[in-house]
C-alpha atoms as a PDB file:
ATOM      1  CA  MET A   1      -0.163  -0.087   0.231  1.00  0.00           C
ATOM      2  CA  SER A   2       1.556   3.119  -0.840  1.00  0.00           C
ATOM      3  CA  GLY A   3       1.656   6.496   1.137  1.00  0.00           C
ATOM      4  CA  VAL A   4       0.349   9.666   1.462  1.00  0.00           C
ATOM      5  CA  THR A   5       2.660  12.212  -0.843  1.00  0.00           C
ATOM      6  CA  ILE A   6       2.413  15.555  -1.608  1.00  0.00           C
ATOM      7  CA  VAL A   7      -0.504  17.052  -4.478  1.00  0.00           C
ATOM      8  CA  GLY A   8      -0.273  20.805  -3.451  1.00  0.00           C
ATOM      9  CA  THR A   9       1.235  22.991  -1.497  1.00  0.00           C
ATOM     10  CA  GLY A  10       1.405  26.789  -0.821  1.00  0.00           C
ATOM     11  CA  HIS A  11       3.375  29.806   1.126  1.00  0.00           C
ATOM     12  CA  HIS A  12       2.483  33.324   2.699  1.00  0.00           C
ATOM     13  CA  VAL A  13       4.312  35.681   4.127  1.00  0.00           C
ATOM     14  CA  PRO A  14       3.004  39.181   5.613  1.00  0.00           C
ATOM     15  CA  GLY A  15       3.948  42.291   4.474  1.00  0.00           C
ATOM     16  CA  ASP A  16       7.475  43.466   3.310  1.00  0.00           C
ATOM     17  CA  PRO A  17      10.546  42.135   4.177  1.00  0.00           C
ATOM     18  CA  VAL A  18      12.343  43.168   7.458  1.00  0.00           C
ATOM     19  CA  ARG A  19      16.195  43.632   6.497  1.00  0.00           C
ATOM     20  CA  ASN A  20      18.753  43.034   9.071  1.00  0.00           C
ATOM     21  CA  GLU A  21      19.739  47.180   8.542  1.00  0.00           C
ATOM     22  CA  ALA A  22      16.433  47.386  10.134  1.00  0.00           C
ATOM     23  CA  LEU A  23      17.159  45.539  13.288  1.00  0.00           C
ATOM     24  CA  ALA A  24      20.644  47.364  13.680  1.00  0.00           C
ATOM     25  CA  ARG A  25      18.269  50.465  14.357  1.00  0.00           C
ATOM     26  CA  VAL A  26      16.847  48.467  18.047  1.00  0.00           C
ATOM     27  CA  MET A  27      20.350  46.644  19.110  1.00  0.00           C
ATOM     28  CA  ASP A  28      23.376  46.628  18.972  1.00  0.00           C
ATOM     29  CA  THR A  29      24.132  44.086  15.380  1.00  0.00           C
ATOM     30  CA  SER A  30      24.606  44.349  12.060  1.00  0.00           C
ATOM     31  CA  ASP A  31      23.904  42.524   8.551  1.00  0.00           C
ATOM     32  CA  ASP A  32      27.301  41.654   8.552  1.00  0.00           C
ATOM     33  CA  TRP A  33      27.285  40.246  12.267  1.00  0.00           C
ATOM     34  CA  ILE A  34      24.019  38.222  11.648  1.00  0.00           C
ATOM     35  CA  ARG A  35      25.308  37.127   7.905  1.00  0.00           C
ATOM     36  CA  ALA A  36      28.029  35.512   9.225  1.00  0.00           C
ATOM     37  CA  ARG A  37      26.099  33.680  12.447  1.00  0.00           C
ATOM     38  CA  THR A  38      22.586  32.378  10.785  1.00  0.00           C
ATOM     39  CA  GLY A  39      22.687  33.086   7.145  1.00  0.00           C
ATOM     40  CA  ILE A  40      19.827  35.835   7.375  1.00  0.00           C
ATOM     41  CA  GLN A  41      19.227  38.818   5.100  1.00  0.00           C
ATOM     42  CA  GLN A  42      15.667  39.198   6.033  1.00  0.00           C
ATOM     43  CA  ARG A  43      12.479  38.807   7.531  1.00  0.00           C
ATOM     44  CA  TYR A  44       8.862  38.862   7.619  1.00  0.00           C
ATOM     45  CA  PHE A  45       6.726  40.094  10.789  1.00  0.00           C
ATOM     46  CA  ALA A  46       3.224  39.751  11.308  1.00  0.00           C
ATOM     47  CA  GLU A  47       1.555  43.292  12.139  1.00  0.00           C
ATOM     48  CA  ASP A  48      -0.680  43.954  15.567  1.00  0.00           C
ATOM     49  CA  GLY A  49      -3.664  41.499  15.347  1.00  0.00           C
ATOM     50  CA  GLN A  50      -2.898  38.815  13.046  1.00  0.00           C
ATOM     51  CA  GLY A  51      -2.233  35.149  14.153  1.00  0.00           C
ATOM     52  CA  PRO A  52      -0.791  32.360  12.308  1.00  0.00           C
ATOM     53  CA  SER A  53      -4.537  31.116  10.754  1.00  0.00           C
ATOM     54  CA  ASP A  54      -4.698  34.202   8.865  1.00  0.00           C
ATOM     55  CA  LEU A  55      -1.725  33.785   7.393  1.00  0.00           C
ATOM     56  CA  ALA A  56      -2.092  30.684   6.712  1.00  0.00           C
ATOM     57  CA  VAL A  57      -5.284  31.156   4.735  1.00  0.00           C
ATOM     58  CA  PRO A  58      -3.583  32.524   1.514  1.00  0.00           C
ATOM     59  CA  ALA A  59      -0.950  29.750   1.678  1.00  0.00           C
ATOM     60  CA  CYS A  60      -3.959  26.929   2.310  1.00  0.00           C
ATOM     61  CA  LYS A  61      -5.714  29.178  -0.588  1.00  0.00           C
ATOM     62  CA  SER A  62      -2.274  28.540  -2.805  1.00  0.00           C
ATOM     63  CA  ALA A  63      -2.271  24.749  -2.039  1.00  0.00           C
ATOM     64  CA  ILE A  64      -6.093  23.397  -2.561  1.00  0.00           C
ATOM     65  CA  ASP A  65      -5.688  25.133  -6.216  1.00  0.00           C
ATOM     66  CA  ASP A  66      -2.313  23.946  -6.606  1.00  0.00           C
ATOM     67  CA  ALA A  67      -4.081  20.599  -5.895  1.00  0.00           C
ATOM     68  CA  GLY A  68      -6.700  21.368  -8.918  1.00  0.00           C
ATOM     69  CA  ILE A  69      -9.513  20.314  -5.495  1.00  0.00           C
ATOM     70  CA  ASP A  70     -11.962  22.648  -3.364  1.00  0.00           C
ATOM     71  CA  ALA A  71     -11.408  22.962  -0.097  1.00  0.00           C
ATOM     72  CA  SER A  72     -14.674  20.616   0.446  1.00  0.00           C
ATOM     73  CA  ASP A  73     -12.384  18.115  -0.387  1.00  0.00           C
ATOM     74  CA  ILE A  74     -10.410  18.662   2.877  1.00  0.00           C
ATOM     75  CA  ASP A  75     -11.542  15.884   5.316  1.00  0.00           C
ATOM     76  CA  TYR A  76      -8.466  16.530   8.085  1.00  0.00           C
ATOM     77  CA  ILE A  77      -6.501  19.566   9.171  1.00  0.00           C
ATOM     78  CA  ILE A  78      -3.446  19.193  10.791  1.00  0.00           C
ATOM     79  CA  PHE A  79      -1.781  22.381  12.185  1.00  0.00           C
ATOM     80  CA  ALA A  80       1.672  22.821  13.402  1.00  0.00           C
ATOM     81  CA  THR A  81       2.754  26.079  15.062  1.00  0.00           C
ATOM     82  CA  MET A  82       4.154  27.059  18.599  1.00  0.00           C
ATOM     83  CA  THR A  83       2.647  30.447  18.410  1.00  0.00           C
ATOM     84  CA  PRO A  84      -0.992  29.560  18.551  1.00  0.00           C
ATOM     85  CA  ASP A  85      -3.284  32.913  17.499  1.00  0.00           C
ATOM     86  CA  HIS A  86      -4.914  31.822  21.002  1.00  0.00           C
ATOM     87  CA  PHE A  87      -3.383  30.267  24.477  1.00  0.00           C
ATOM     88  CA  PHE A  88      -6.622  27.800  23.856  1.00  0.00           C
ATOM     89  CA  PRO A  89      -8.145  26.788  21.677  1.00  0.00           C
ATOM     90  CA  GLY A  90      -5.938  25.208  19.060  1.00  0.00           C
ATOM     91  CA  SER A  91      -5.646  27.381  15.614  1.00  0.00           C
ATOM     92  CA  GLY A  92      -6.707  24.633  13.229  1.00  0.00           C
ATOM     93  CA  PRO A  93     -10.525  25.292  14.322  1.00  0.00           C
ATOM     94  CA  LEU A  94     -10.081  28.954  13.436  1.00  0.00           C
ATOM     95  CA  LEU A  95      -8.449  27.786  10.042  1.00  0.00           C
ATOM     96  CA  GLY A  96     -11.085  25.387   8.968  1.00  0.00           C
ATOM     97  CA  ALA A  97     -13.874  28.196   9.788  1.00  0.00           C
ATOM     98  CA  LYS A  98     -11.822  30.587   7.862  1.00  0.00           C
ATOM     99  CA  LEU A  99     -11.775  28.700   4.541  1.00  0.00           C
ATOM    100  CA  GLY A 100     -14.968  28.122   4.623  1.00  0.00           C
ATOM    101  CA  ILE A 101     -14.905  24.061   5.754  1.00  0.00           C
ATOM    102  CA  PRO A 102     -16.071  23.608   9.750  1.00  0.00           C
ATOM    103  CA  GLY A 103     -16.891  20.985  10.735  1.00  0.00           C
ATOM    104  CA  VAL A 104     -13.418  19.080   9.688  1.00  0.00           C
ATOM    105  CA  PRO A 105     -11.573  17.865  12.222  1.00  0.00           C
ATOM    106  CA  ALA A 106      -8.496  19.455  12.938  1.00  0.00           C
ATOM    107  CA  LEU A 107      -5.670  18.863  15.265  1.00  0.00           C
ATOM    108  CA  ASP A 108      -3.268  20.817  16.203  1.00  0.00           C
ATOM    109  CA  ILE A 109       0.493  20.170  17.454  1.00  0.00           C
ATOM    110  CA  ARG A 110       3.405  21.551  19.336  1.00  0.00           C
ATOM    111  CA  GLN A 111       6.587  19.720  17.875  1.00  0.00           C
ATOM    112  CA  GLN A 112       7.629  22.946  16.688  1.00  0.00           C
ATOM    113  CA  CYS A 113      10.616  23.299  14.412  1.00  0.00           C
ATOM    114  CA  ALA A 114      10.564  19.574  13.773  1.00  0.00           C
ATOM    115  CA  ALA A 115       6.615  19.436  13.520  1.00  0.00           C
ATOM    116  CA  MET A 116       7.174  18.461  10.101  1.00  0.00           C
ATOM    117  CA  PRO A 117       8.610  14.849   9.824  1.00  0.00           C
ATOM    118  CA  TYR A 118       6.128  14.378  12.888  1.00  0.00           C
ATOM    119  CA  ALA A 119       2.750  15.511  10.622  1.00  0.00           C
ATOM    120  CA  LEU A 120       3.935  13.214   7.985  1.00  0.00           C
ATOM    121  CA  GLN A 121       3.791  10.259   9.949  1.00  0.00           C
ATOM    122  CA  LEU A 122       0.744  11.371  11.479  1.00  0.00           C
ATOM    123  CA  ALA A 123      -1.005  11.932   8.161  1.00  0.00           C
ATOM    124  CA  ASN A 124       0.238   8.943   6.504  1.00  0.00           C
ATOM    125  CA  GLY A 125      -1.203   6.617   9.430  1.00  0.00           C
ATOM    126  CA  LEU A 126      -4.660   8.470   8.714  1.00  0.00           C
ATOM    127  CA  VAL A 127      -4.878   7.903   5.699  1.00  0.00           C
ATOM    128  CA  ARG A 128      -3.908   4.409   5.434  1.00  0.00           C
ATOM    129  CA  SER A 129      -6.156   3.784   8.509  1.00  0.00           C
ATOM    130  CA  GLY A 130      -9.164   5.398   6.187  1.00  0.00           C
ATOM    131  CA  ALA A 131     -10.012   8.024   8.665  1.00  0.00           C
ATOM    132  CA  ALA A 132      -8.905  10.604   6.239  1.00  0.00           C
ATOM    133  CA  LYS A 133      -8.656  11.119   2.645  1.00  0.00           C
ATOM    134  CA  THR A 134      -7.295  14.337   1.438  1.00  0.00           C
ATOM    135  CA  ILE A 135      -5.403  16.351   4.234  1.00  0.00           C
ATOM    136  CA  LEU A 136      -4.859  19.342   4.924  1.00  0.00           C
ATOM    137  CA  LEU A 137      -0.960  20.031   6.860  1.00  0.00           C
ATOM    138  CA  VAL A 138       0.038  23.536   7.746  1.00  0.00           C
ATOM    139  CA  GLY A 139       2.459  24.658   9.469  1.00  0.00           C
ATOM    140  CA  ALA A 140       2.595  28.641  10.600  1.00  0.00           C
ATOM    141  CA  GLU A 141       4.195  31.340  13.098  1.00  0.00           C
ATOM    142  CA  VAL A 142       4.046  34.461  14.523  1.00  0.00           C
ATOM    143  CA  HIS A 143       7.088  35.077  16.064  1.00  0.00           C
ATOM    144  CA  ALA A 144       6.465  38.954  16.296  1.00  0.00           C
ATOM    145  CA  GLY A 145       5.333  38.427  19.945  1.00  0.00           C
ATOM    146  CA  PHE A 146       8.269  37.496  21.363  1.00  0.00           C
ATOM    147  CA  MET A 147      10.041  40.461  19.706  1.00  0.00           C
ATOM    148  CA  PRO A 148      12.298  42.141  22.348  1.00  0.00           C
ATOM    149  CA  TRP A 149      11.664  45.630  20.787  1.00  0.00           C
ATOM    150  CA  VAL A 150       8.578  48.211  21.283  1.00  0.00           C
ATOM    151  CA  ASP A 151       9.737  50.412  18.527  1.00  0.00           C
ATOM    152  CA  TRP A 152       8.016  48.687  16.001  1.00  0.00           C
ATOM    153  CA  ASP A 153       7.516  51.518  13.552  1.00  0.00           C
ATOM    154  CA  VAL A 154      11.469  51.969  13.532  1.00  0.00           C
ATOM    155  CA  VAL A 155      11.758  47.954  12.451  1.00  0.00           C
ATOM    156  CA  ARG A 156       9.506  48.185   9.932  1.00  0.00           C
ATOM    157  CA  SER A 157      11.053  52.008   8.209  1.00  0.00           C
ATOM    158  CA  ARG A 158       8.252  53.674   8.887  1.00  0.00           C
ATOM    159  CA  ALA A 159       9.991  56.119  11.627  1.00  0.00           C
ATOM    160  CA  GLU A 160      13.246  57.322  11.604  1.00  0.00           C
ATOM    161  CA  ARG A 161      14.182  58.107  15.648  1.00  0.00           C
ATOM    162  CA  ALA A 162      16.452  57.195  17.740  1.00  0.00           C
ATOM    163  CA  VAL A 163      15.232  54.407  20.002  1.00  0.00           C
ATOM    164  CA  ARG A 164      15.341  54.768  24.384  1.00  0.00           C
ATOM    165  CA  PRO A 165      18.424  53.121  25.808  1.00  0.00           C
ATOM    166  CA  GLU A 166      16.612  51.331  27.858  1.00  0.00           C
ATOM    167  CA  ALA A 167      14.604  50.063  24.922  1.00  0.00           C
ATOM    168  CA  TYR A 168      17.600  49.461  23.229  1.00  0.00           C
ATOM    169  CA  ALA A 169      19.278  47.623  25.851  1.00  0.00           C
ATOM    170  CA  ARG A 170      16.498  45.113  26.707  1.00  0.00           C
ATOM    171  CA  ALA A 171      16.170  44.008  22.886  1.00  0.00           C
ATOM    172  CA  ASN A 172      20.346  43.822  22.617  1.00  0.00           C
ATOM    173  CA  ARG A 173      19.724  41.386  25.884  1.00  0.00           C
ATOM    174  CA  HIS A 174      17.911  39.048  23.679  1.00  0.00           C
ATOM    175  CA  ARG A 175      19.980  39.659  20.083  1.00  0.00           C
ATOM    176  CA  GLY A 176      20.884  36.338  19.629  1.00  0.00           C
ATOM    177  CA  LEU A 177      17.563  34.887  19.592  1.00  0.00           C
ATOM    178  CA  ALA A 178      15.834  38.160  17.937  1.00  0.00           C
ATOM    179  CA  VAL A 179      18.164  37.967  15.058  1.00  0.00           C
ATOM    180  CA  VAL A 180      17.005  34.588  13.623  1.00  0.00           C
ATOM    181  CA  PHE A 181      13.001  34.207  13.933  1.00  0.00           C
ATOM    182  CA  GLY A 182      10.634  35.436  11.391  1.00  0.00           C
ATOM    183  CA  ASP A 183       6.636  34.598  10.671  1.00  0.00           C
ATOM    184  CA  GLY A 184       5.219  32.496   7.637  1.00  0.00           C
ATOM    185  CA  ALA A 185       2.823  30.009   6.732  1.00  0.00           C
ATOM    186  CA  SER A 186       3.235  26.974   4.616  1.00  0.00           C
ATOM    187  CA  ALA A 187       0.741  24.554   3.350  1.00  0.00           C
ATOM    188  CA  MET A 188       0.598  21.424   1.894  1.00  0.00           C
ATOM    189  CA  VAL A 189      -2.688  19.226   0.574  1.00  0.00           C
ATOM    190  CA  LEU A 190      -1.807  15.320   1.105  1.00  0.00           C
ATOM    191  CA  ARG A 191      -2.908  12.182  -0.910  1.00  0.00           C
ATOM    192  CA  GLN A 192      -2.415   8.495  -0.950  1.00  0.00           C
ATOM    193  CA  SER A 193       0.056   8.176  -3.966  1.00  0.00           C
ATOM    194  CA  GLU A 194      -0.878   6.395  -6.868  1.00  0.00           C
ATOM    195  CA  THR A 195       2.254   4.888  -7.693  1.00  0.00           C
ATOM    196  CA  PRO A 196       3.089   1.515  -6.161  1.00  0.00           C
ATOM    197  CA  GLY A 197       5.723   1.978  -3.656  1.00  0.00           C
ATOM    198  CA  GLY A 198       5.302   5.068  -3.330  1.00  0.00           C
ATOM    199  CA  GLY A 199       4.550   8.448  -1.188  1.00  0.00           C
ATOM    200  CA  PHE A 200       5.592   8.459   2.496  1.00  0.00           C
ATOM    201  CA  LEU A 201       7.704   5.769   3.517  1.00  0.00           C
ATOM    202  CA  ALA A 202       9.005   6.042   6.990  1.00  0.00           C
ATOM    203  CA  ALA A 203      10.203   8.281   9.503  1.00  0.00           C
ATOM    204  CA  GLU A 204      12.339   8.394  12.667  1.00  0.00           C
ATOM    205  CA  LEU A 205      10.910  10.499  15.483  1.00  0.00           C
ATOM    206  CA  HIS A 206      12.556  11.087  18.776  1.00  0.00           C
ATOM    207  CA  SER A 207      12.156  13.723  21.829  1.00  0.00           C
ATOM    208  CA  ASP A 208      14.513  13.990  24.677  1.00  0.00           C
ATOM    209  CA  GLY A 209      12.530  16.350  27.331  1.00  0.00           C
ATOM    210  CA  ARG A 210      16.173  16.524  29.463  1.00  0.00           C
ATOM    211  CA  ALA A 211      17.159  18.875  26.984  1.00  0.00           C
ATOM    212  CA  PHE A 212      14.227  21.081  27.079  1.00  0.00           C
ATOM    213  CA  GLU A 213      16.165  24.554  28.227  1.00  0.00           C
ATOM    214  CA  HIS A 214      18.331  24.056  25.422  1.00  0.00           C
ATOM    215  CA  LEU A 215      15.190  26.283  23.826  1.00  0.00           C
ATOM    216  CA  PHE A 216      12.164  27.410  25.978  1.00  0.00           C
ATOM    217  CA  VAL A 217       9.822  29.888  27.764  1.00  0.00           C
ATOM    218  CA  PRO A 218      10.887  30.195  30.990  1.00  0.00           C
ATOM    219  CA  GLY A 219       8.053  32.369  32.699  1.00  0.00           C
ATOM    220  CA  VAL A 220       4.470  31.203  31.183  1.00  0.00           C
ATOM    221  CA  GLY A 221       2.974  27.937  32.362  1.00  0.00           C
ATOM    222  CA  PHE A 222       0.397  26.048  34.148  1.00  0.00           C
ATOM    223  CA  ARG A 223       2.973  24.902  37.173  1.00  0.00           C
ATOM    224  CA  GLN A 224       2.888  28.431  38.678  1.00  0.00           C
ATOM    225  CA  ILE A 225      -0.478  30.575  39.395  1.00  0.00           C
ATOM    226  CA  PRO A 226      -1.271  32.701  37.973  1.00  0.00           C
ATOM    227  CA  TYR A 227       0.091  30.999  34.632  1.00  0.00           C
ATOM    228  CA  VAL A 228       1.647  34.693  33.362  1.00  0.00           C
ATOM    229  CA  THR A 229       2.688  36.779  36.432  1.00  0.00           C
ATOM    230  CA  GLN A 230       3.882  40.691  36.368  1.00  0.00           C
ATOM    231  CA  GLU A 231       6.956  39.956  37.733  1.00  0.00           C
ATOM    232  CA  ALA A 232       7.846  37.407  34.723  1.00  0.00           C
ATOM    233  CA  LEU A 233       6.889  39.623  32.284  1.00  0.00           C
ATOM    234  CA  ARG A 234       9.304  42.823  34.284  1.00  0.00           C
ATOM    235  CA  ALA A 235      11.957  39.848  34.134  1.00  0.00           C
ATOM    236  CA  ASP A 236      11.313  39.443  30.011  1.00  0.00           C
ATOM    237  CA  ASP A 237      10.692  35.692  30.961  1.00  0.00           C
ATOM    238  CA  HIS A 238       8.102  35.396  28.509  1.00  0.00           C
ATOM    239  CA  ILE A 239      10.279  35.891  25.637  1.00  0.00           C
ATOM    240  CA  PRO A 240      12.793  32.520  24.695  1.00  0.00           C
ATOM    241  CA  GLN A 241      15.508  31.797  26.263  1.00  0.00           C
ATOM    242  CA  MET A 242      17.943  29.502  23.890  1.00  0.00           C
ATOM    243  CA  GLN A 243      21.149  28.036  24.210  1.00  0.00           C
ATOM    244  CA  GLY A 244      22.462  28.528  20.941  1.00  0.00           C
ATOM    245  CA  PRO A 245      26.196  26.981  20.908  1.00  0.00           C
ATOM    246  CA  SER A 246      24.741  23.705  22.802  1.00  0.00           C
ATOM    247  CA  LEU A 247      21.929  23.058  20.577  1.00  0.00           C
ATOM    248  CA  LEU A 248      24.022  23.767  17.409  1.00  0.00           C
ATOM    249  CA  LYS A 249      26.234  20.893  18.783  1.00  0.00           C
ATOM    250  CA  LYS A 250      22.828  19.035  19.239  1.00  0.00           C
ATOM    251  CA  ALA A 251      21.282  19.526  16.133  1.00  0.00           C
ATOM    252  CA  VAL A 252      24.629  18.451  14.021  1.00  0.00           C
ATOM    253  CA  ARG A 253      24.960  14.761  16.465  1.00  0.00           C
ATOM    254  CA  THR A 254      21.304  14.190  16.093  1.00  0.00           C
ATOM    255  CA  LEU A 255      20.025  14.846  12.721  1.00  0.00           C
ATOM    256  CA  SER A 256      23.467  13.315  11.197  1.00  0.00           C
ATOM    257  CA  ARG A 257      22.977   9.826  13.120  1.00  0.00           C
ATOM    258  CA  THR A 258      19.112   9.506  12.561  1.00  0.00           C
ATOM    259  CA  VAL A 259      19.230  10.012   8.968  1.00  0.00           C
ATOM    260  CA  ARG A 260      22.363   7.599   8.452  1.00  0.00           C
ATOM    261  CA  SER A 261      19.581   5.277  11.138  1.00  0.00           C
ATOM    262  CA  ILE A 262      16.737   5.636   8.848  1.00  0.00           C
ATOM    263  CA  CYS A 263      18.586   5.488   5.979  1.00  0.00           C
ATOM    264  CA  GLU A 264      20.349   1.981   6.931  1.00  0.00           C
ATOM    265  CA  THR A 265      16.630   0.935   8.621  1.00  0.00           C
ATOM    266  CA  GLN A 266      14.868   1.038   5.055  1.00  0.00           C
ATOM    267  CA  GLY A 267      17.881  -0.123   3.017  1.00  0.00           C
ATOM    268  CA  ILE A 268      18.486   3.344   1.281  1.00  0.00           C
ATOM    269  CA  SER A 269      21.831   4.666   0.293  1.00  0.00           C
ATOM    270  CA  GLN A 270      22.023   8.838   0.690  1.00  0.00           C
ATOM    271  CA  ASN A 271      23.325   8.842  -2.486  1.00  0.00           C
ATOM    272  CA  GLU A 272      19.831   7.455  -3.604  1.00  0.00           C
ATOM    273  CA  ILE A 273      18.307  10.825  -1.754  1.00  0.00           C
ATOM    274  CA  ASP A 274      17.791  13.351  -4.510  1.00  0.00           C
ATOM    275  CA  CYS A 275      16.618  16.271  -1.672  1.00  0.00           C
ATOM    276  CA  PHE A 276      17.587  16.916   1.592  1.00  0.00           C
ATOM    277  CA  ILE A 277      14.871  19.485   2.907  1.00  0.00           C
ATOM    278  CA  ALA A 278      15.735  20.346   6.225  1.00  0.00           C
ATOM    279  CA  HIS A 279      14.719  22.974   8.898  1.00  0.00           C
ATOM    280  CA  GLN A 280      15.806  26.308   8.498  1.00  0.00           C
ATOM    281  CA  ALA A 281      17.083  26.955  11.859  1.00  0.00           C
ATOM    282  CA  ASN A 282      20.451  28.137  10.933  1.00  0.00           C
ATOM    283  CA  ASP A 283      22.626  28.180   7.737  1.00  0.00           C
ATOM    284  CA  ARG A 284      25.349  26.986  10.334  1.00  0.00           C
ATOM    285  CA  ILE A 285      23.495  24.168  11.459  1.00  0.00           C
ATOM    286  CA  ASN A 286      22.454  23.242   7.620  1.00  0.00           C
ATOM    287  CA  ARG A 287      26.145  23.393   6.519  1.00  0.00           C
ATOM    288  CA  ALA A 288      27.800  21.490   9.453  1.00  0.00           C
ATOM    289  CA  VAL A 289      25.022  18.434   8.936  1.00  0.00           C
ATOM    290  CA  ARG A 290      25.942  18.291   5.237  1.00  0.00           C
ATOM    291  CA  ASP A 291      29.488  18.192   5.639  1.00  0.00           C
ATOM    292  CA  ALA A 292      28.712  15.616   8.504  1.00  0.00           C
ATOM    293  CA  LEU A 293      26.922  13.353   5.926  1.00  0.00           C
ATOM    294  CA  LYS A 294      29.125  14.346   2.458  1.00  0.00           C
ATOM    295  CA  ILE A 295      26.039  15.649   1.117  1.00  0.00           C
ATOM    296  CA  PRO A 296      26.392  17.575  -2.000  1.00  0.00           C
ATOM    297  CA  PRO A 297      25.103  21.068  -1.707  1.00  0.00           C
ATOM    298  CA  GLU A 298      23.034  21.345  -4.093  1.00  0.00           C
ATOM    299  CA  LYS A 299      21.273  18.553  -2.794  1.00  0.00           C
ATOM    300  CA  ILE A 300      20.644  20.403   0.479  1.00  0.00           C
ATOM    301  CA  PRO A 301      18.866  23.618  -0.894  1.00  0.00           C
ATOM    302  CA  SER A 302      18.375  27.268   1.816  1.00  0.00           C
ATOM    303  CA  ASN A 303      16.484  29.542   1.575  1.00  0.00           C
ATOM    304  CA  ILE A 304      16.635  31.333   5.354  1.00  0.00           C
ATOM    305  CA  ALA A 305      18.321  34.262   3.766  1.00  0.00           C
ATOM    306  CA  ARG A 306      15.819  35.338   2.599  1.00  0.00           C
ATOM    307  CA  PHE A 307      12.482  34.056   5.435  1.00  0.00           C
ATOM    308  CA  GLY A 308      14.505  33.366   8.953  1.00  0.00           C
ATOM    309  CA  ASN A 309      13.723  30.534  10.673  1.00  0.00           C
ATOM    310  CA  THR A 310       9.838  30.531  10.667  1.00  0.00           C
ATOM    311  CA  SER A 311       9.280  27.566  12.868  1.00  0.00           C
ATOM    312  CA  ALA A 312       7.173  25.114  11.834  1.00  0.00           C
ATOM    313  CA  ALA A 313       6.648  26.346   8.866  1.00  0.00           C
ATOM    314  CA  THR A 314      10.406  26.942   7.231  1.00  0.00           C
ATOM    315  CA  ILE A 315      10.411  23.180   5.574  1.00  0.00           C
ATOM    316  CA  GLY A 316       6.911  23.510   4.250  1.00  0.00           C
ATOM    317  CA  ILE A 317       7.981  26.777   2.686  1.00  0.00           C
ATOM    318  CA  LEU A 318      11.065  25.656   0.662  1.00  0.00           C
ATOM    319  CA  THR A 319       8.932  22.346  -0.632  1.00  0.00           C
ATOM    320  CA  ASP A 320       6.844  24.929  -1.710  1.00  0.00           C
ATOM    321  CA  GLU A 321       9.473  26.844  -3.513  1.00  0.00           C
ATOM    322  CA  LEU A 322      11.190  24.154  -4.541  1.00  0.00           C
ATOM    323  CA  ARG A 323       8.119  22.145  -6.049  1.00  0.00           C
ATOM    324  CA  ARG A 324       7.063  25.744  -7.992  1.00  0.00           C
ATOM    325  CA  ASP A 325      10.826  25.821  -9.608  1.00  0.00           C
ATOM    326  CA  GLY A 326      11.039  22.589 -10.865  1.00  0.00           C
ATOM    327  CA  ARG A 327      13.869  21.275  -8.501  1.00  0.00           C
ATOM    328  CA  ILE A 328      11.908  18.407  -6.755  1.00  0.00           C
ATOM    329  CA  ARG A 329       9.615  16.489  -9.201  1.00  0.00           C
ATOM    330  CA  GLU A 330       7.497  13.347  -9.599  1.00  0.00           C
ATOM    331  CA  GLY A 331      10.003  10.413  -8.663  1.00  0.00           C
ATOM    332  CA  ASN A 332      11.871  12.240  -6.707  1.00  0.00           C
ATOM    333  CA  LEU A 333      12.880  10.815  -3.583  1.00  0.00           C
ATOM    334  CA  LEU A 334      12.543  13.151  -0.227  1.00  0.00           C
ATOM    335  CA  CYS A 335      14.539  13.407   3.193  1.00  0.00           C
ATOM    336  CA  PHE A 336      12.914  16.005   5.949  1.00  0.00           C
ATOM    337  CA  LEU A 337      14.221  16.677   8.704  1.00  0.00           C
ATOM    338  CA  GLY A 338      14.345  19.100  11.952  1.00  0.00           C
ATOM    339  CA  ILE A 339      14.829  19.552  15.429  1.00  0.00           C
ATOM    340  CA  GLY A 340      13.206  21.766  17.768  1.00  0.00           C
ATOM    341  CA  ALA A 341      12.602  22.588  21.337  1.00  0.00           C
ATOM    342  CA  GLY A 342      11.357  19.846  22.874  1.00  0.00           C
ATOM    343  CA  LEU A 343      13.249  18.617  22.289  1.00  0.00           C
ATOM    344  CA  ASN A 344      12.359  17.253  19.476  1.00  0.00           C
ATOM    345  CA  TRP A 345      13.744  16.095  16.455  1.00  0.00           C
ATOM    346  CA  GLY A 346      12.948  13.572  13.121  1.00  0.00           C
ATOM    347  CA  VAL A 347      13.757  12.486   9.790  1.00  0.00           C
ATOM    348  CA  ALA A 348      10.889  11.584   7.278  1.00  0.00           C
ATOM    349  CA  LEU A 349      11.201   9.572   3.443  1.00  0.00           C
ATOM    350  CA  MET A 350       9.094  10.378   1.301  1.00  0.00           C
ATOM    351  CA  ARG A 351       8.977   9.538  -2.690  1.00  0.00           C
ATOM    352  CA  LEU A 352       6.677  12.284  -4.598  1.00  0.00           C
END
């Protein structure tokens, strides 16, 4: 029995790009500093009042059009996000309503930057069990609310003025995190492959809660009453804390090991893989994984320079660009890989 395959893709980013030079107006950084450490040149940020379900709507409509179906053909939504519209409910039901398909089951998942390998395995199981036929798989994030500056008009180049020294110092304390993230949405339409032996082949997924402090939000959660306090807000404990250097080492080690493992388990040579579609966390991580696995550069494309790290959306955005540019096509063997907060990480194989 064949696995699920991708029959349509789409993506969407909000507004105008925010280039590195704009961030240098609100913190001590520069275009050279950011490029050297991340490979990022620009990113996008949602406006106040925009949530991930809003960004997902145009991405989903594009994917549905690309698949040549109607929204009414969707019978299951999987929505991956760590930045939901509301603390609860999840964003999936909101998206279904906005697409005009209320009543369709919608499942939110939270594997952060590792969401896509997890979601592909889940979608494959739903289709093969008969629980669904046409799945809309969405990754969407609005990280703007995590950003440590208040002078959004300056960041968006709508005003030219000096920021207050205390605001500059505050933003600078979170510089390593703030320069990395951006907002965006991706969507895939998944159906069972009509090619014998095609579609989703396998996934190898892992989590390790011992390492959760590599990337987490320390001051918001239900281990405390109330779940968010004025003290936590004043201490900026609602902003994620990231141990960048240790996370980089962990990512390179675990991802390269997991790729080798799944290839061995499936009896596939790495050389048979046509394209490695990696989560776009940091260009240094992906180059290090590439070197560790001896992957030819052309087989592990990157678009982080133009979008930054959009967490659950990165793999889908890159997949959409690759499909539309003809760089991946029917018959190609794809390897999706990502690691995110949790820690969660995983690798999935699919024959288009």
